[in-house]
Amino acid sequence: MTEMQKSVSLTLLRFAAMLIVTWAVLVGAAMGAGRALPGGGVIAFDCGGDIHLLDVSRGYERSLTDKIETGLYSFSPAWSPDGERIAFIVGTDYEFLGGRIYVMDMNGGNVRQISNVAYAFNTLSWSPDSTHIAFGPGTRVDGNIYVIDVESGYITQVNREPVQADWLMWSPTRSEIAFVSWNSENGTIFTIASDRNNIQQITHNISYIFRPAWSPDGNQIAFSAGSEILHEIYVINRDGSNLRQLTNNNMSNLNPTWSPDGQQIAFEFGQFYGDNPQIYTMNADGTNLRQLTHVFCARPLVPVWRP
């Protein structure tokens, strides 16, 4: 190799190294600030007892929490509607005991505990104005629906009659909360007004329903349902009409979440409570299925797309 060839090769290597470093800095800055890189947005999920962020288009992933307290899990992330903060639960075992509610900035900073009671279970959901968070202790405690003021920590009960509520989700456009009621063995989706006891039944004759998720325009609800071990993703209109099944793969398809433009749905795919579930996306009509993550997590990932 001539001296000129060596010089050209060295220059190319330096240029390539500069591009790699520049890209790494841009990716880290974008994810650290919680901004989406071009082409897909950001999904928060829990894995290994910590909250993670995933860039949808690039596959870049990073952890936001690092065992806030020794021996405790961080789980069930929920984006504020403005996309600036993430609420999550910290507890000893998120399958059975629930935990306390925390809030942090989208880059993992400014972590603070907002609830002193340790019975928030499985899902949190922000009010459209980002001032309150709906939560519930689940049917393992009292099955009621509660709302906590993010600034004061003051807690109020929403329902006046027993509802056996689980998997709460606040509408992004209305003052109502969707939830799964276990008054029956199979579970049923209802909505309840957050300021009064006006309850409406949405689903009928569907078994083993989990985690309803509102579309960004508040007109549709995605959810998973099926049997004890197999679940498919469904979508239904807010008034209970136009039920349609999006997946059909004889696996466990859980925890749907809509993209900000309502064009895609991300969800957890794998065996029900089996090892190594992954996050997949599909179009809102069930087409164009693709895998996003290649992580090892022994527990549900519970993905939530940043608004």
C-alpha atoms as a PDB file:
ATOM      1  CA  MET A   1       0.000   0.000   0.000  1.00  0.00           C
ATOM      2  CA  THR A   2       1.403   3.383  -1.041  1.00  0.00           C
ATOM      3  CA  GLU A   3       1.700   6.293   1.367  1.00  0.00           C
ATOM      4  CA  MET A   4      -1.174   8.037  -0.445  1.00  0.00           C
ATOM      5  CA  GLN A   5      -3.401   4.965  -0.089  1.00  0.00           C
ATOM      6  CA  LYS A   6      -2.524   4.744   3.611  1.00  0.00           C
ATOM      7  CA  SER A   7      -3.390   8.429   4.049  1.00  0.00           C
ATOM      8  CA  VAL A   8      -6.736   8.030   2.278  1.00  0.00           C
ATOM      9  CA  SER A   9      -7.593   4.930   4.339  1.00  0.00           C
ATOM     10  CA  LEU A  10      -6.722   6.719   7.587  1.00  0.00           C
ATOM     11  CA  THR A  11      -8.865   9.691   6.589  1.00  0.00           C
ATOM     12  CA  LEU A  12     -11.819   7.426   5.793  1.00  0.00           C
ATOM     13  CA  LEU A  13     -11.448   5.606   9.112  1.00  0.00           C
ATOM     14  CA  ARG A  14     -11.378   8.902  11.002  1.00  0.00           C
ATOM     15  CA  PHE A  15     -14.465  10.113   9.125  1.00  0.00           C
ATOM     16  CA  ALA A  16     -16.344   6.884   9.854  1.00  0.00           C
ATOM     17  CA  ALA A  17     -15.415   7.091  13.538  1.00  0.00           C
ATOM     18  CA  MET A  18     -16.632  10.702  13.632  1.00  0.00           C
ATOM     19  CA  LEU A  19     -19.976   9.687  12.099  1.00  0.00           C
ATOM     20  CA  ILE A  20     -20.420   6.885  14.637  1.00  0.00           C
ATOM     21  CA  VAL A  21     -19.638   9.154  17.573  1.00  0.00           C
ATOM     22  CA  THR A  22     -21.920  11.899  16.229  1.00  0.00           C
ATOM     23  CA  TRP A  23     -24.794   9.437  15.735  1.00  0.00           C
ATOM     24  CA  ALA A  24     -24.320   8.000  19.222  1.00  0.00           C
ATOM     25  CA  VAL A  25     -24.415  11.494  20.727  1.00  0.00           C
ATOM     26  CA  LEU A  26     -27.556  12.434  18.780  1.00  0.00           C
ATOM     27  CA  VAL A  27     -29.329   9.203  19.705  1.00  0.00           C
ATOM     28  CA  GLY A  28     -28.372   9.536  23.355  1.00  0.00           C
ATOM     29  CA  ALA A  29     -29.483  13.161  23.460  1.00  0.00           C
ATOM     30  CA  ALA A  30     -32.785  12.427  21.761  1.00  0.00           C
ATOM     31  CA  MET A  31     -33.605   9.503  24.019  1.00  0.00           C
ATOM     32  CA  GLY A  32     -32.279  11.277  27.106  1.00  0.00           C
ATOM     33  CA  ALA A  33     -34.622  14.165  26.397  1.00  0.00           C
ATOM     34  CA  GLY A  34     -37.443  11.792  25.564  1.00  0.00           C
ATOM     35  CA  ARG A  35     -37.727  13.095  21.998  1.00  0.00           C
ATOM     36  CA  ALA A  36     -38.587  10.722  19.177  1.00  0.00           C
ATOM     37  CA  LEU A  37     -36.009  10.195  16.472  1.00  0.00           C
ATOM     38  CA  PRO A  38     -37.375  10.508  12.921  1.00  0.00           C
ATOM     39  CA  GLY A  39     -39.878   7.841  11.941  1.00  0.00           C
ATOM     40  CA  GLY A  40     -41.601   6.228  14.872  1.00  0.00           C
ATOM     41  CA  GLY A  41     -41.749   7.787  18.338  1.00  0.00           C
ATOM     42  CA  VAL A  42     -40.808   6.487  21.767  1.00  0.00           C
ATOM     43  CA  ILE A  43     -42.272   3.630  23.826  1.00  0.00           C
ATOM     44  CA  ALA A  44     -41.791   3.228  27.568  1.00  0.00           C
ATOM     45  CA  PHE A  45     -41.927  -0.283  29.040  1.00  0.00           C
ATOM     46  CA  ASP A  46     -40.836  -2.142  32.153  1.00  0.00           C
ATOM     47  CA  CYS A  47     -38.222  -4.876  32.132  1.00  0.00           C
ATOM     48  CA  GLY A  48     -36.145  -6.419  34.890  1.00  0.00           C
ATOM     49  CA  GLY A  49     -37.672  -4.191  37.545  1.00  0.00           C
ATOM     50  CA  ASP A  50     -36.835  -0.906  35.771  1.00  0.00           C
ATOM     51  CA  ILE A  51     -38.523   1.499  33.342  1.00  0.00           C
ATOM     52  CA  HIS A  52     -36.985   1.580  29.852  1.00  0.00           C
ATOM     53  CA  LEU A  53     -37.365   3.763  26.768  1.00  0.00           C
ATOM     54  CA  LEU A  54     -37.349   2.378  23.234  1.00  0.00           C
ATOM     55  CA  ASP A  55     -36.937   4.360  20.028  1.00  0.00           C
ATOM     56  CA  VAL A  56     -39.407   2.702  17.674  1.00  0.00           C
ATOM     57  CA  SER A  57     -37.655   3.361  14.370  1.00  0.00           C
ATOM     58  CA  ARG A  58     -34.028   2.834  15.445  1.00  0.00           C
ATOM     59  CA  GLY A  59     -34.400   0.126  18.061  1.00  0.00           C
ATOM     60  CA  TYR A  60     -32.301   2.134  20.537  1.00  0.00           C
ATOM     61  CA  GLU A  61     -33.181   1.267  24.159  1.00  0.00           C
ATOM     62  CA  ARG A  62     -32.090   2.651  27.509  1.00  0.00           C
ATOM     63  CA  SER A  63     -33.057   2.300  31.161  1.00  0.00           C
ATOM     64  CA  LEU A  64     -34.528   5.298  32.998  1.00  0.00           C
ATOM     65  CA  THR A  65     -34.616   3.851  36.503  1.00  0.00           C
ATOM     66  CA  ASP A  66     -31.981   1.842  38.281  1.00  0.00           C
ATOM     67  CA  LYS A  67     -33.645   0.102  41.205  1.00  0.00           C
ATOM     68  CA  ILE A  68     -35.057   3.212  42.896  1.00  0.00           C
ATOM     69  CA  GLU A  69     -34.968   1.300  46.177  1.00  0.00           C
ATOM     70  CA  THR A  70     -33.106  -1.936  46.870  1.00  0.00           C
ATOM     71  CA  GLY A  71     -35.332  -4.965  46.468  1.00  0.00           C
ATOM     72  CA  LEU A  72     -38.175  -3.022  44.816  1.00  0.00           C
ATOM     73  CA  TYR A  73     -39.492  -3.137  41.239  1.00  0.00           C
ATOM     74  CA  SER A  74     -40.404  -0.176  39.012  1.00  0.00           C
ATOM     75  CA  PHE A  75     -43.273  -1.082  36.680  1.00  0.00           C
ATOM     76  CA  SER A  76     -46.430   0.030  34.811  1.00  0.00           C
ATOM     77  CA  PRO A  77     -45.174   3.276  33.189  1.00  0.00           C
ATOM     78  CA  ALA A  78     -47.735   5.871  32.077  1.00  0.00           C
ATOM     79  CA  TRP A  79     -46.959   8.975  29.978  1.00  0.00           C
ATOM     80  CA  SER A  80     -48.473  12.314  30.868  1.00  0.00           C
ATOM     81  CA  PRO A  81     -50.577  13.645  27.942  1.00  0.00           C
ATOM     82  CA  ASP A  82     -47.976  16.334  27.197  1.00  0.00           C
ATOM     83  CA  GLY A  83     -45.261  13.663  26.974  1.00  0.00           C
ATOM     84  CA  GLU A  84     -43.089  15.415  29.545  1.00  0.00           C
ATOM     85  CA  ARG A  85     -43.415  13.035  32.522  1.00  0.00           C
ATOM     86  CA  ILE A  86     -43.803   9.344  33.297  1.00  0.00           C
ATOM     87  CA  ALA A  87     -45.746   7.972  36.243  1.00  0.00           C
ATOM     88  CA  PHE A  88     -44.915   4.481  37.450  1.00  0.00           C
ATOM     89  CA  ILE A  89     -45.371   2.129  40.392  1.00  0.00           C
ATOM     90  CA  VAL A  90     -42.637   1.040  42.793  1.00  0.00           C
ATOM     91  CA  GLY A  91     -43.284  -2.055  44.861  1.00  0.00           C
ATOM     92  CA  THR A  92     -42.027  -5.408  46.048  1.00  0.00           C
ATOM     93  CA  ASP A  93     -43.976  -7.597  43.620  1.00  0.00           C
ATOM     94  CA  TYR A  94     -46.123  -6.150  40.850  1.00  0.00           C
ATOM     95  CA  GLU A  95     -48.023  -9.369  40.237  1.00  0.00           C
ATOM     96  CA  PHE A  96     -49.743  -9.394  43.598  1.00  0.00           C
ATOM     97  CA  LEU A  97     -48.957  -6.534  45.981  1.00  0.00           C
ATOM     98  CA  GLY A  98     -48.840  -3.336  43.933  1.00  0.00           C
ATOM     99  CA  GLY A  99     -46.930  -0.353  45.293  1.00  0.00           C
ATOM    100  CA  ARG A 100     -46.555   3.419  45.625  1.00  0.00           C
ATOM    101  CA  ILE A 101     -46.916   5.909  42.770  1.00  0.00           C
ATOM    102  CA  TYR A 102     -43.875   7.844  41.549  1.00  0.00           C
ATOM    103  CA  VAL A 103     -43.460  10.495  38.848  1.00  0.00           C
ATOM    104  CA  MET A 104     -40.292  11.424  36.946  1.00  0.00           C
ATOM    105  CA  ASP A 105     -39.298  13.617  34.024  1.00  0.00           C
ATOM    106  CA  MET A 106     -39.116  11.938  30.630  1.00  0.00           C
ATOM    107  CA  ASN A 107     -35.310  11.767  30.852  1.00  0.00           C
ATOM    108  CA  GLY A 108     -35.398   9.931  34.189  1.00  0.00           C
ATOM    109  CA  GLY A 109     -34.682  12.977  36.335  1.00  0.00           C
ATOM    110  CA  ASN A 110     -36.670  14.644  39.124  1.00  0.00           C
ATOM    111  CA  VAL A 111     -38.027  11.389  40.557  1.00  0.00           C
ATOM    112  CA  ARG A 112     -40.542  11.907  43.335  1.00  0.00           C
ATOM    113  CA  GLN A 113     -43.046   9.803  45.238  1.00  0.00           C
ATOM    114  CA  ILE A 114     -46.589  11.181  45.169  1.00  0.00           C
ATOM    115  CA  SER A 115     -48.507   8.519  47.099  1.00  0.00           C
ATOM    116  CA  ASN A 116     -47.893   7.155  50.568  1.00  0.00           C
ATOM    117  CA  VAL A 117     -50.283   4.233  50.271  1.00  0.00           C
ATOM    118  CA  ALA A 118     -48.894   1.038  48.789  1.00  0.00           C
ATOM    119  CA  TYR A 119     -51.875  -0.244  46.852  1.00  0.00           C
ATOM    120  CA  ALA A 120     -51.544   1.046  43.294  1.00  0.00           C
ATOM    121  CA  PHE A 121     -51.834  -2.016  41.093  1.00  0.00           C
ATOM    122  CA  ASN A 122     -51.028  -2.831  37.446  1.00  0.00           C
ATOM    123  CA  THR A 123     -51.995   0.391  35.594  1.00  0.00           C
ATOM    124  CA  LEU A 124     -51.843   4.153  36.020  1.00  0.00           C
ATOM    125  CA  SER A 125     -53.490   6.698  33.718  1.00  0.00           C
ATOM    126  CA  TRP A 126     -53.229  10.501  33.579  1.00  0.00           C
ATOM    127  CA  SER A 127     -56.125  12.912  33.241  1.00  0.00           C
ATOM    128  CA  PRO A 128     -56.184  14.857  29.925  1.00  0.00           C
ATOM    129  CA  ASP A 129     -54.898  18.006  31.682  1.00  0.00           C
ATOM    130  CA  SER A 130     -51.995  16.127  33.375  1.00  0.00           C
ATOM    131  CA  THR A 131     -53.106  17.156  36.883  1.00  0.00           C
ATOM    132  CA  HIS A 132     -54.434  13.811  38.169  1.00  0.00           C
ATOM    133  CA  ILE A 133     -53.670  10.110  37.861  1.00  0.00           C
ATOM    134  CA  ALA A 134     -56.263   7.335  38.005  1.00  0.00           C
ATOM    135  CA  PHE A 135     -55.278   4.119  39.742  1.00  0.00           C
ATOM    136  CA  GLY A 136     -56.767   1.212  41.597  1.00  0.00           C
ATOM    137  CA  PRO A 137     -55.683  -1.460  44.040  1.00  0.00           C
ATOM    138  CA  GLY A 138     -57.363  -4.066  41.875  1.00  0.00           C
ATOM    139  CA  THR A 139     -59.706  -6.791  42.958  1.00  0.00           C
ATOM    140  CA  ARG A 140     -57.088  -8.166  45.329  1.00  0.00           C
ATOM    141  CA  VAL A 141     -57.916  -5.253  47.670  1.00  0.00           C
ATOM    142  CA  ASP A 142     -61.232  -3.406  47.176  1.00  0.00           C
ATOM    143  CA  GLY A 143     -61.730  -3.062  43.397  1.00  0.00           C
ATOM    144  CA  ASN A 144     -62.446   0.682  43.602  1.00  0.00           C
ATOM    145  CA  ILE A 145     -61.316   3.467  41.252  1.00  0.00           C
ATOM    146  CA  TYR A 146     -59.234   6.279  42.733  1.00  0.00           C
ATOM    147  CA  VAL A 147     -57.793   9.543  41.453  1.00  0.00           C
ATOM    148  CA  ILE A 148     -54.735  11.213  42.973  1.00  0.00           C
ATOM    149  CA  ASP A 149     -53.779  14.886  42.605  1.00  0.00           C
ATOM    150  CA  VAL A 150     -50.221  14.895  41.209  1.00  0.00           C
ATOM    151  CA  GLU A 151     -49.148  17.991  43.159  1.00  0.00           C
ATOM    152  CA  SER A 152     -50.898  17.544  46.514  1.00  0.00           C
ATOM    153  CA  GLY A 153     -51.165  13.755  46.661  1.00  0.00           C
ATOM    154  CA  TYR A 154     -54.822  14.065  47.691  1.00  0.00           C
ATOM    155  CA  ILE A 155     -56.799  10.916  46.796  1.00  0.00           C
ATOM    156  CA  THR A 156     -60.507  10.697  45.979  1.00  0.00           C
ATOM    157  CA  GLN A 157     -62.675   7.690  45.137  1.00  0.00           C
ATOM    158  CA  VAL A 158     -64.519   7.905  41.802  1.00  0.00           C
ATOM    159  CA  ASN A 159     -67.111   5.119  42.003  1.00  0.00           C
ATOM    160  CA  ARG A 160     -70.004   5.187  44.471  1.00  0.00           C
ATOM    161  CA  GLU A 161     -71.054   1.589  43.919  1.00  0.00           C
ATOM    162  CA  PRO A 162     -68.814  -1.518  43.925  1.00  0.00           C
ATOM    163  CA  VAL A 163     -67.292  -2.063  40.462  1.00  0.00           C
ATOM    164  CA  GLN A 164     -64.485  -4.622  41.001  1.00  0.00           C
ATOM    165  CA  ALA A 165     -62.296  -2.511  38.711  1.00  0.00           C
ATOM    166  CA  ASP A 166     -58.964  -3.402  37.166  1.00  0.00           C
ATOM    167  CA  TRP A 167     -56.840  -2.004  34.299  1.00  0.00           C
ATOM    168  CA  LEU A 168     -57.909   1.649  34.397  1.00  0.00           C
ATOM    169  CA  MET A 169     -57.403   3.959  31.410  1.00  0.00           C
ATOM    170  CA  TRP A 170     -58.449   7.646  31.278  1.00  0.00           C
ATOM    171  CA  SER A 171     -59.846   8.899  27.978  1.00  0.00           C
ATOM    172  CA  PRO A 172     -57.438  11.359  26.293  1.00  0.00           C
ATOM    173  CA  THR A 173     -60.331  13.576  25.195  1.00  0.00           C
ATOM    174  CA  ARG A 174     -63.120  13.146  27.748  1.00  0.00           C
ATOM    175  CA  SER A 175     -63.640  13.113  31.475  1.00  0.00           C
ATOM    176  CA  GLU A 176     -64.206   9.372  31.620  1.00  0.00           C
ATOM    177  CA  ILE A 177     -62.225   6.305  32.608  1.00  0.00           C
ATOM    178  CA  ALA A 178     -62.373   2.901  30.943  1.00  0.00           C
ATOM    179  CA  PHE A 179     -61.819  -0.133  33.150  1.00  0.00           C
ATOM    180  CA  VAL A 180     -62.269  -3.891  33.285  1.00  0.00           C
ATOM    181  CA  SER A 181     -64.827  -5.017  35.836  1.00  0.00           C
ATOM    182  CA  TRP A 182     -64.564  -8.469  37.366  1.00  0.00           C
ATOM    183  CA  ASN A 183     -68.119  -8.551  38.680  1.00  0.00           C
ATOM    184  CA  SER A 184     -68.427 -11.429  36.233  1.00  0.00           C
ATOM    185  CA  GLU A 185     -65.947 -14.264  35.792  1.00  0.00           C
ATOM    186  CA  ASN A 186     -64.886 -13.171  32.309  1.00  0.00           C
ATOM    187  CA  GLY A 187     -64.332  -9.458  32.790  1.00  0.00           C
ATOM    188  CA  THR A 188     -66.192  -6.638  31.017  1.00  0.00           C
ATOM    189  CA  ILE A 189     -65.081  -3.193  29.847  1.00  0.00           C
ATOM    190  CA  PHE A 190     -67.053  -0.271  31.270  1.00  0.00           C
ATOM    191  CA  THR A 191     -66.559   3.468  31.265  1.00  0.00           C
ATOM    192  CA  ILE A 192     -67.259   5.760  34.198  1.00  0.00           C
ATOM    193  CA  ALA A 193     -67.339   9.550  34.305  1.00  0.00           C
ATOM    194  CA  SER A 194     -64.476  10.814  36.448  1.00  0.00           C
ATOM    195  CA  ASP A 195     -66.701  13.426  38.120  1.00  0.00           C
ATOM    196  CA  ARG A 196     -69.878  11.371  38.629  1.00  0.00           C
ATOM    197  CA  ASN A 197     -71.149   7.804  38.900  1.00  0.00           C
ATOM    198  CA  ASN A 198     -72.308   7.403  35.281  1.00  0.00           C
ATOM    199  CA  ILE A 199     -71.299   3.877  34.214  1.00  0.00           C
ATOM    200  CA  GLN A 200     -71.677   2.491  30.672  1.00  0.00           C
ATOM    201  CA  GLN A 201     -71.008  -1.090  29.570  1.00  0.00           C
ATOM    202  CA  ILE A 202     -68.868  -1.377  26.404  1.00  0.00           C
ATOM    203  CA  THR A 203     -68.193  -5.094  25.804  1.00  0.00           C
ATOM    204  CA  HIS A 204     -70.547  -8.088  25.903  1.00  0.00           C
ATOM    205  CA  ASN A 205     -69.862 -11.820  25.870  1.00  0.00           C
ATOM    206  CA  ILE A 206     -66.067 -11.562  25.563  1.00  0.00           C
ATOM    207  CA  SER A 207     -63.789 -13.559  27.873  1.00  0.00           C
ATOM    208  CA  TYR A 208     -60.639 -12.749  29.815  1.00  0.00           C
ATOM    209  CA  ILE A 209     -60.311  -9.070  28.943  1.00  0.00           C
ATOM    210  CA  PHE A 210     -57.124  -7.188  29.839  1.00  0.00           C
ATOM    211  CA  ARG A 211     -55.969  -3.567  29.716  1.00  0.00           C
ATOM    212  CA  PRO A 212     -58.183  -1.335  27.564  1.00  0.00           C
ATOM    213  CA  ALA A 213     -56.305   1.400  25.662  1.00  0.00           C
ATOM    214  CA  TRP A 214     -57.956   4.486  24.192  1.00  0.00           C
ATOM    215  CA  SER A 215     -57.134   5.624  20.669  1.00  0.00           C
ATOM    216  CA  PRO A 216     -55.650   9.161  20.559  1.00  0.00           C
ATOM    217  CA  ASP A 217     -58.961  10.643  19.355  1.00  0.00           C
ATOM    218  CA  GLY A 218     -60.869   8.912  22.166  1.00  0.00           C
ATOM    219  CA  ASN A 219     -63.245   7.145  19.756  1.00  0.00           C
ATOM    220  CA  GLN A 220     -61.920   3.568  19.959  1.00  0.00           C
ATOM    221  CA  ILE A 221     -60.639   1.182  22.615  1.00  0.00           C
ATOM    222  CA  ALA A 222     -58.084  -1.559  21.991  1.00  0.00           C
ATOM    223  CA  PHE A 223     -57.847  -4.473  24.408  1.00  0.00           C
ATOM    224  CA  SER A 224     -56.747  -8.098  24.651  1.00  0.00           C
ATOM    225  CA  ALA A 225     -59.116 -10.999  25.281  1.00  0.00           C
ATOM    226  CA  GLY A 226     -59.381 -14.734  24.790  1.00  0.00           C
ATOM    227  CA  SER A 227     -58.786 -17.608  27.185  1.00  0.00           C
ATOM    228  CA  GLU A 228     -56.727 -18.207  30.302  1.00  0.00           C
ATOM    229  CA  ILE A 229     -53.476 -18.536  28.328  1.00  0.00           C
ATOM    230  CA  LEU A 230     -54.173 -17.262  24.785  1.00  0.00           C
ATOM    231  CA  HIS A 231     -55.161 -13.679  24.003  1.00  0.00           C
ATOM    232  CA  GLU A 232     -55.804 -11.696  20.832  1.00  0.00           C
ATOM    233  CA  ILE A 233     -55.942  -7.937  20.258  1.00  0.00           C
ATOM    234  CA  TYR A 234     -59.368  -6.418  19.562  1.00  0.00           C
ATOM    235  CA  VAL A 235     -60.631  -2.906  18.841  1.00  0.00           C
ATOM    236  CA  ILE A 236     -64.119  -1.611  19.580  1.00  0.00           C
ATOM    237  CA  ASN A 237     -65.811   1.759  19.175  1.00  0.00           C
ATOM    238  CA  ARG A 238     -66.388   3.875  22.278  1.00  0.00           C
ATOM    239  CA  ASP A 239     -70.131   3.159  22.138  1.00  0.00           C
ATOM    240  CA  GLY A 240     -69.602  -0.619  22.007  1.00  0.00           C
ATOM    241  CA  SER A 241     -70.162  -1.005  18.267  1.00  0.00           C
ATOM    242  CA  ASN A 242     -67.922  -2.354  15.479  1.00  0.00           C
ATOM    243  CA  LEU A 243     -65.925  -4.968  17.386  1.00  0.00           C
ATOM    244  CA  ARG A 244     -63.087  -6.418  15.310  1.00  0.00           C
ATOM    245  CA  GLN A 245     -60.236  -8.842  15.983  1.00  0.00           C
ATOM    246  CA  LEU A 246     -56.775  -7.691  14.831  1.00  0.00           C
ATOM    247  CA  THR A 247     -54.526 -10.668  15.671  1.00  0.00           C
ATOM    248  CA  ASN A 248     -54.995 -14.392  15.185  1.00  0.00           C
ATOM    249  CA  ASN A 249     -51.833 -16.299  16.056  1.00  0.00           C
ATOM    250  CA  ASN A 250     -52.696 -18.594  18.994  1.00  0.00           C
ATOM    251  CA  MET A 251     -50.247 -16.817  21.279  1.00  0.00           C
ATOM    252  CA  SER A 252     -50.653 -14.300  24.068  1.00  0.00           C
ATOM    253  CA  ASN A 253     -51.045 -10.793  22.614  1.00  0.00           C
ATOM    254  CA  LEU A 254     -51.321  -8.368  25.532  1.00  0.00           C
ATOM    255  CA  ASN A 255     -51.183  -4.728  26.623  1.00  0.00           C
ATOM    256  CA  PRO A 256     -51.987  -2.795  23.399  1.00  0.00           C
ATOM    257  CA  THR A 257     -50.969   0.857  23.094  1.00  0.00           C
ATOM    258  CA  TRP A 258     -51.697   3.284  20.238  1.00  0.00           C
ATOM    259  CA  SER A 259     -49.183   5.383  18.328  1.00  0.00           C
ATOM    260  CA  PRO A 260     -49.734   9.154  18.678  1.00  0.00           C
ATOM    261  CA  ASP A 261     -51.239   9.383  15.176  1.00  0.00           C
ATOM    262  CA  GLY A 262     -53.550   6.403  15.765  1.00  0.00           C
ATOM    263  CA  GLN A 263     -52.110   4.552  12.772  1.00  0.00           C
ATOM    264  CA  GLN A 264     -50.317   1.780  14.683  1.00  0.00           C
ATOM    265  CA  ILE A 265     -50.733  -0.375  17.771  1.00  0.00           C
ATOM    266  CA  ALA A 266     -47.831  -1.763  19.783  1.00  0.00           C
ATOM    267  CA  PHE A 267     -48.358  -4.735  22.066  1.00  0.00           C
ATOM    268  CA  GLU A 268     -46.637  -7.483  24.000  1.00  0.00           C
ATOM    269  CA  PHE A 269     -46.280 -10.821  22.219  1.00  0.00           C
ATOM    270  CA  GLY A 270     -45.340 -14.169  23.738  1.00  0.00           C
ATOM    271  CA  GLN A 271     -46.595 -16.874  26.043  1.00  0.00           C
ATOM    272  CA  PHE A 272     -48.899 -15.759  28.847  1.00  0.00           C
ATOM    273  CA  TYR A 273     -46.633 -14.945  31.785  1.00  0.00           C
ATOM    274  CA  GLY A 274     -43.882 -16.887  30.030  1.00  0.00           C
ATOM    275  CA  ASP A 275     -40.244 -15.908  29.738  1.00  0.00           C
ATOM    276  CA  ASN A 276     -38.956 -13.507  27.124  1.00  0.00           C
ATOM    277  CA  PRO A 277     -42.015 -11.634  25.776  1.00  0.00           C
ATOM    278  CA  GLN A 278     -41.280  -9.070  23.055  1.00  0.00           C
ATOM    279  CA  ILE A 279     -42.840  -5.838  21.803  1.00  0.00           C
ATOM    280  CA  TYR A 280     -44.402  -5.903  18.333  1.00  0.00           C
ATOM    281  CA  THR A 281     -46.221  -3.273  16.286  1.00  0.00           C
ATOM    282  CA  MET A 282     -48.909  -3.555  13.630  1.00  0.00           C
ATOM    283  CA  ASN A 283     -51.080  -1.196  11.661  1.00  0.00           C
ATOM    284  CA  ALA A 284     -54.357  -0.264  13.336  1.00  0.00           C
ATOM    285  CA  ASP A 285     -56.150  -2.683  10.993  1.00  0.00           C
ATOM    286  CA  GLY A 286     -53.911  -5.609  12.047  1.00  0.00           C
ATOM    287  CA  THR A 287     -51.597  -5.633   9.013  1.00  0.00           C
ATOM    288  CA  ASN A 288     -47.814  -5.137   8.780  1.00  0.00           C
ATOM    289  CA  LEU A 289     -46.771  -6.998  11.939  1.00  0.00           C
ATOM    290  CA  ARG A 290     -43.146  -6.406  12.987  1.00  0.00           C
ATOM    291  CA  GLN A 291     -40.976  -7.091  16.016  1.00  0.00           C
ATOM    292  CA  LEU A 292     -39.439  -4.106  17.836  1.00  0.00           C
ATOM    293  CA  THR A 293     -37.499  -5.557  20.753  1.00  0.00           C
ATOM    294  CA  HIS A 294     -35.006  -8.361  21.291  1.00  0.00           C
ATOM    295  CA  VAL A 295     -34.789  -8.198  25.071  1.00  0.00           C
ATOM    296  CA  PHE A 296     -34.887 -10.802  27.805  1.00  0.00           C
ATOM    297  CA  CYS A 297     -37.541 -10.080  30.410  1.00  0.00           C
ATOM    298  CA  ALA A 298     -39.215 -12.737  32.490  1.00  0.00           C
ATOM    299  CA  ARG A 299     -42.280 -10.577  33.195  1.00  0.00           C
ATOM    300  CA  PRO A 300     -44.810  -8.542  31.201  1.00  0.00           C
ATOM    301  CA  LEU A 301     -43.315  -5.524  29.390  1.00  0.00           C
ATOM    302  CA  VAL A 302     -46.443  -3.304  29.440  1.00  0.00           C
ATOM    303  CA  PRO A 303     -45.485  -0.979  26.548  1.00  0.00           C
ATOM    304  CA  VAL A 304     -46.918   2.562  26.408  1.00  0.00           C
ATOM    305  CA  TRP A 305     -46.397   4.866  23.437  1.00  0.00           C
ATOM    306  CA  ARG A 306     -45.411   8.461  24.127  1.00  0.00           C
ATOM    307  CA  PRO A 307     -48.232  10.878  23.118  1.00  0.00           C
END
